[in-house]
Amino acid sequence: MNEETKKAIADHALAAYPRECCGLVVLHNGAERYVPCRNVAGAPEEHFVMSAEDYALAEDMGPIVAVVHSHPGAPARPSMADKAMAEKSGVDKWVIISVGIQGDGAVAAEDWCEFGPTGYVAPLVGREWAHGTLDCYGIVRDWYRLERGIDLPDFERAEKWWEDGQSNLYMDNFAAAGFVDVGQDAELQPGDVLLMQIRSKVPNHAGIYLGDNIMLHHMYGRLSGRTVWGGMWAHALRTVLRYKGNAA
């Protein structure tokens, strides 16, 4: 990136502090240009969700050559979520700028990092939470890809879709993903998706049954992990989804 582009990014990151800024570098009329975008995340101090409208407008200006965001008060080092999003993006370059409070109380840009897709897959156990990428459906997709060699479709999902009173992500899409509903009383098999309803009007959490009474799942705002199936989880169960190749 040239110095003019870096200055435009730094100015945006400083103006957005303590929120994460996000934007795109495009080639417009053959020249590099930074296009600031809106961060529409529910908690913009913690992560970014780039406005789809802003992304489309930037695409109309020219080819996208880099995705940019800031890390307020944190190192310019890609998180698990950053690396996972880079894999999904189709953009070869990602740029992080760190921004922090200096000794004199001023806010300033501190460091830069560039990275790109490398085939990264977050570990199934201990992965950070990031809605739309590293969430409960994300771990279902990654488990099926790593353990069964099956690529499940991804689905666009707004943050906290389970609270809007209209969305029903799992029930609306399980058939398109290749699953059948075998009911909550089914005898569990490894690979079954345990569909639960937790403080919601619709089923909003899913785990993978691993066998031996163990479930792998990724709860909102927590690290992913294995847990014993039963208790509160079984009480929240609404149905069991079985991949069509496993269904009797």
Protein backbone atom coordinates (compact mmCIF):
# COMPACT_ATOMS: atom_id res chain seq x y z
CA MET A 1 0.00 0.00 0.00
CA ASN A 2 1.19 3.51 -0.70
CA GLU A 3 1.58 6.13 2.03
CA GLU A 4 -1.59 7.99 1.03
CA THR A 5 -3.64 4.81 1.46
CA LYS A 6 -2.02 4.06 4.82
CA LYS A 7 -2.73 7.60 6.04
CA ALA A 8 -6.40 7.31 5.03
CA ILE A 9 -6.65 4.00 6.92
CA ALA A 10 -4.95 5.43 10.01
CA ASP A 11 -7.21 8.50 9.99
CA HIS A 12 -10.29 6.24 9.84
CA ALA A 13 -8.99 3.99 12.65
CA LEU A 14 -8.31 6.97 14.90
CA ALA A 15 -11.70 8.54 14.19
CA ALA A 16 -13.47 5.25 15.00
CA TYR A 17 -11.57 4.55 18.25
CA PRO A 18 -12.50 2.83 20.60
CA ARG A 19 -14.59 1.00 17.98
CA GLU A 20 -13.05 -1.15 15.27
CA CYS A 21 -13.00 0.53 11.91
CA CYS A 22 -13.32 -1.44 8.70
CA GLY A 23 -12.89 -0.64 5.04
CA LEU A 24 -11.65 -1.79 1.66
CA VAL A 25 -8.76 -0.92 -0.60
CA VAL A 26 -9.89 -0.84 -4.23
CA LEU A 27 -8.30 -0.09 -7.57
CA HIS A 28 -10.23 2.89 -8.87
CA ASN A 29 -9.29 4.14 -12.35
CA GLY A 30 -6.03 2.26 -11.99
CA ALA A 31 -5.10 3.93 -8.66
CA GLU A 32 -5.20 2.55 -5.14
CA ARG A 33 -7.95 4.02 -2.96
CA TYR A 34 -9.14 3.34 0.57
CA VAL A 35 -12.92 3.19 1.00
CA PRO A 36 -14.08 3.43 4.64
CA CYS A 37 -17.09 1.23 5.44
CA ARG A 38 -19.53 1.11 8.34
CA ASN A 39 -19.01 -1.38 11.13
CA VAL A 40 -22.53 -2.64 11.84
CA ALA A 41 -21.56 -5.14 14.55
CA GLY A 42 -23.67 -5.20 17.68
CA ALA A 43 -20.49 -4.76 19.74
CA PRO A 44 -18.17 -2.71 17.48
CA GLU A 45 -15.61 -2.30 20.26
CA GLU A 46 -14.99 -6.05 20.09
CA HIS A 47 -15.25 -7.01 16.41
CA PHE A 48 -16.43 -5.78 13.04
CA VAL A 49 -19.21 -6.66 10.64
CA MET A 50 -18.82 -4.73 7.42
CA SER A 51 -21.95 -3.16 5.96
CA ALA A 52 -23.03 -5.22 2.94
CA GLU A 53 -24.27 -2.07 1.25
CA ASP A 54 -20.90 -0.36 1.68
CA TYR A 55 -19.10 -3.44 0.37
CA ALA A 56 -21.27 -3.46 -2.76
CA LEU A 57 -20.66 0.25 -3.35
CA ALA A 58 -16.91 -0.27 -3.06
CA GLU A 59 -17.08 -3.17 -5.54
CA ASP A 60 -18.75 -0.84 -8.03
CA MET A 61 -15.71 1.44 -7.82
CA GLY A 62 -13.22 -1.21 -8.87
CA PRO A 63 -11.55 -4.50 -7.92
CA ILE A 64 -11.12 -5.05 -4.17
CA VAL A 65 -7.47 -5.68 -3.32
CA ALA A 66 -7.56 -5.63 0.50
CA VAL A 67 -9.90 -5.85 3.49
CA VAL A 68 -8.93 -3.54 6.35
CA HIS A 69 -9.87 -3.29 10.00
CA SER A 70 -8.42 -1.94 13.23
CA HIS A 71 -7.61 -3.50 16.60
CA PRO A 72 -8.26 -0.81 19.24
CA GLY A 73 -6.07 -1.40 22.28
CA ALA A 74 -4.82 -4.73 20.92
CA PRO A 75 -1.87 -5.91 18.79
CA ALA A 76 -2.02 -5.90 15.01
CA ARG A 77 -2.19 -9.67 14.98
CA PRO A 78 -4.95 -11.70 13.31
CA SER A 79 -7.34 -13.44 15.68
CA MET A 80 -8.86 -16.85 14.95
CA ALA A 81 -11.92 -15.03 13.65
CA ASP A 82 -9.82 -12.78 11.40
CA LYS A 83 -8.08 -15.78 9.85
CA ALA A 84 -11.34 -17.68 9.42
CA MET A 85 -13.01 -14.68 7.76
CA ALA A 86 -10.05 -14.25 5.43
CA GLU A 87 -10.57 -17.82 4.23
CA LYS A 88 -14.21 -17.07 3.39
CA SER A 89 -13.66 -13.66 1.83
CA GLY A 90 -12.08 -14.44 -1.53
CA VAL A 91 -9.76 -11.44 -0.99
CA ASP A 92 -6.03 -12.18 -1.02
CA LYS A 93 -4.86 -9.42 1.31
CA TRP A 94 -6.10 -8.47 4.77
CA VAL A 95 -4.68 -5.52 6.71
CA ILE A 96 -4.86 -4.84 10.45
CA ILE A 97 -3.85 -1.59 12.09
CA SER A 98 -3.49 -1.42 15.88
CA VAL A 99 -4.55 1.77 17.65
CA GLY A 100 -3.95 2.64 21.29
CA ILE A 101 -3.59 5.30 23.96
CA GLN A 102 -0.08 6.66 24.29
CA GLY A 103 1.82 7.82 27.37
CA ASP A 104 0.67 11.40 26.86
CA GLY A 105 -2.99 10.32 26.63
CA ALA A 106 -3.22 10.73 22.86
CA VAL A 107 -4.64 8.00 20.63
CA ALA A 108 -2.27 6.94 17.86
CA ALA A 109 -1.67 4.23 15.28
CA GLU A 110 0.88 1.74 16.54
CA ASP A 111 1.52 -1.16 14.18
CA TRP A 112 0.43 -2.84 10.95
CA CYS A 113 -0.03 -6.42 9.86
CA GLU A 114 -0.79 -7.95 6.47
CA PHE A 115 -1.95 -11.54 6.00
CA GLY A 116 -4.13 -13.60 3.69
CA PRO A 117 -5.82 -16.97 3.19
CA THR A 118 -3.60 -19.97 3.94
CA GLY A 119 -6.17 -22.76 4.28
CA TYR A 120 -6.61 -22.01 7.98
CA VAL A 121 -9.29 -23.87 9.93
CA ALA A 122 -9.79 -22.94 13.59
CA PRO A 123 -9.35 -25.82 16.06
CA LEU A 124 -12.61 -27.53 16.91
CA VAL A 125 -11.89 -27.25 20.64
CA GLY A 126 -10.92 -23.88 22.12
CA ARG A 127 -11.92 -21.71 19.18
CA GLU A 128 -12.96 -18.12 19.83
CA TRP A 129 -16.54 -16.99 19.26
CA ALA A 130 -17.30 -14.84 16.22
CA HIS A 131 -20.84 -14.73 14.91
CA GLY A 132 -21.26 -15.79 11.29
CA THR A 133 -17.86 -17.51 11.18
CA LEU A 134 -16.88 -19.18 14.44
CA ASP A 135 -20.29 -19.89 15.95
CA CYS A 136 -22.45 -22.94 16.62
CA TYR A 137 -23.26 -23.51 12.95
CA GLY A 138 -19.65 -22.80 12.02
CA ILE A 139 -18.44 -25.67 14.18
CA VAL A 140 -21.04 -27.99 12.64
CA ARG A 141 -19.75 -27.08 9.16
CA ASP A 142 -16.10 -27.47 10.12
CA TRP A 143 -16.67 -30.79 11.91
CA TYR A 144 -18.40 -32.22 8.85
CA ARG A 145 -15.64 -30.98 6.57
CA LEU A 146 -12.78 -32.25 8.75
CA GLU A 147 -14.31 -35.49 10.01
CA ARG A 148 -16.58 -36.54 7.14
CA GLY A 149 -15.17 -34.69 4.12
CA ILE A 150 -18.57 -33.05 3.55
CA ASP A 151 -18.89 -29.37 2.65
CA LEU A 152 -22.13 -28.02 4.11
CA PRO A 153 -23.55 -24.79 2.67
CA ASP A 154 -23.12 -21.58 4.63
CA PHE A 155 -26.06 -19.30 5.34
CA GLU A 156 -26.14 -15.55 5.87
CA ARG A 157 -27.24 -14.79 9.41
CA ALA A 158 -27.70 -11.44 11.06
CA GLU A 159 -26.35 -10.97 14.56
CA LYS A 160 -28.79 -12.19 17.19
CA TRP A 161 -31.17 -13.45 14.49
CA TRP A 162 -32.81 -15.58 17.17
CA GLU A 163 -34.17 -12.44 18.85
CA ASP A 164 -35.89 -10.79 15.88
CA GLY A 165 -39.07 -12.86 16.16
CA GLN A 166 -38.94 -13.89 12.48
CA SER A 167 -35.74 -15.78 11.70
CA ASN A 168 -35.47 -19.51 12.23
CA LEU A 169 -32.07 -20.30 10.71
CA TYR A 170 -31.83 -23.99 11.50
CA MET A 171 -35.39 -25.07 10.80
CA ASP A 172 -35.53 -23.06 7.58
CA ASN A 173 -32.28 -24.46 6.18
CA PHE A 174 -31.55 -27.94 7.53
CA ALA A 175 -33.02 -29.72 4.49
CA ALA A 176 -30.97 -27.59 2.08
CA ALA A 177 -27.87 -28.54 4.07
CA GLY A 178 -28.63 -32.23 3.54
CA PHE A 179 -30.20 -33.14 6.89
CA VAL A 180 -33.42 -34.85 7.85
CA ASP A 181 -35.37 -34.32 11.06
CA VAL A 182 -35.44 -37.61 13.00
CA GLY A 183 -37.14 -36.17 16.09
CA GLN A 184 -36.02 -35.49 19.62
CA ASP A 185 -36.54 -39.10 20.73
CA ALA A 186 -34.19 -40.58 18.13
CA GLU A 187 -31.44 -42.94 19.25
CA LEU A 188 -28.37 -40.76 18.82
CA GLN A 189 -25.62 -41.52 16.33
CA PRO A 190 -22.20 -39.84 15.97
CA GLY A 191 -22.59 -36.88 13.65
CA ASP A 192 -26.17 -36.10 14.66
CA VAL A 193 -26.87 -32.39 15.10
CA LEU A 194 -28.55 -31.72 18.44
CA LEU A 195 -30.81 -28.72 17.90
CA MET A 196 -31.56 -26.79 21.09
CA GLN A 197 -33.59 -23.79 22.13
CA ILE A 198 -31.93 -21.59 24.75
CA ARG A 199 -33.61 -18.39 25.94
CA SER A 200 -35.24 -17.97 22.54
CA LYS A 201 -38.55 -18.51 20.77
CA VAL A 202 -36.85 -20.60 18.07
CA PRO A 203 -34.16 -23.31 18.06
CA ASN A 204 -30.97 -21.29 18.22
CA HIS A 205 -28.10 -23.56 19.26
CA ALA A 206 -26.63 -26.71 17.74
CA GLY A 207 -24.07 -29.25 18.81
CA ILE A 208 -22.54 -32.35 17.22
CA TYR A 209 -23.08 -35.65 18.98
CA LEU A 210 -19.69 -37.41 19.06
CA GLY A 211 -20.80 -40.65 20.68
CA ASP A 212 -20.22 -41.94 24.22
CA ASN A 213 -22.61 -39.28 25.53
CA ILE A 214 -20.33 -36.39 24.45
CA MET A 215 -21.35 -33.28 22.51
CA LEU A 216 -19.09 -30.80 20.70
CA HIS A 217 -20.54 -27.29 20.53
CA HIS A 218 -19.77 -23.57 20.52
CA MET A 219 -21.89 -21.52 22.88
CA TYR A 220 -22.46 -17.80 22.31
CA GLY A 221 -19.57 -15.72 23.64
CA ARG A 222 -17.54 -18.72 24.87
CA LEU A 223 -14.75 -20.97 23.62
CA SER A 224 -15.85 -24.12 21.85
CA GLY A 225 -15.52 -27.43 23.64
CA ARG A 226 -16.79 -30.89 24.43
CA THR A 227 -19.33 -31.49 27.15
CA VAL A 228 -21.34 -34.37 28.56
CA TRP A 229 -24.69 -34.66 26.82
CA GLY A 230 -27.62 -34.45 29.20
CA GLY A 231 -28.97 -32.18 31.93
CA MET A 232 -29.72 -28.65 30.79
CA TRP A 233 -28.66 -29.46 27.24
CA ALA A 234 -31.03 -32.39 26.88
CA HIS A 235 -33.80 -30.31 28.46
CA ALA A 236 -33.24 -27.65 25.75
CA LEU A 237 -33.32 -30.23 22.92
CA ARG A 238 -36.03 -29.60 20.33
CA THR A 239 -35.09 -32.14 17.67
CA VAL A 240 -32.26 -34.19 16.19
CA LEU A 241 -31.02 -33.55 12.64
CA ARG A 242 -29.26 -36.40 10.85
CA TYR A 243 -27.23 -36.06 7.70
CA LYS A 244 -29.06 -37.83 4.87
CA GLY A 245 -26.21 -40.25 4.25
CA ASN A 246 -26.52 -41.49 7.83
CA ALA A 247 -30.31 -41.67 7.99
CA ALA A 248 -31.85 -45.13 8.10
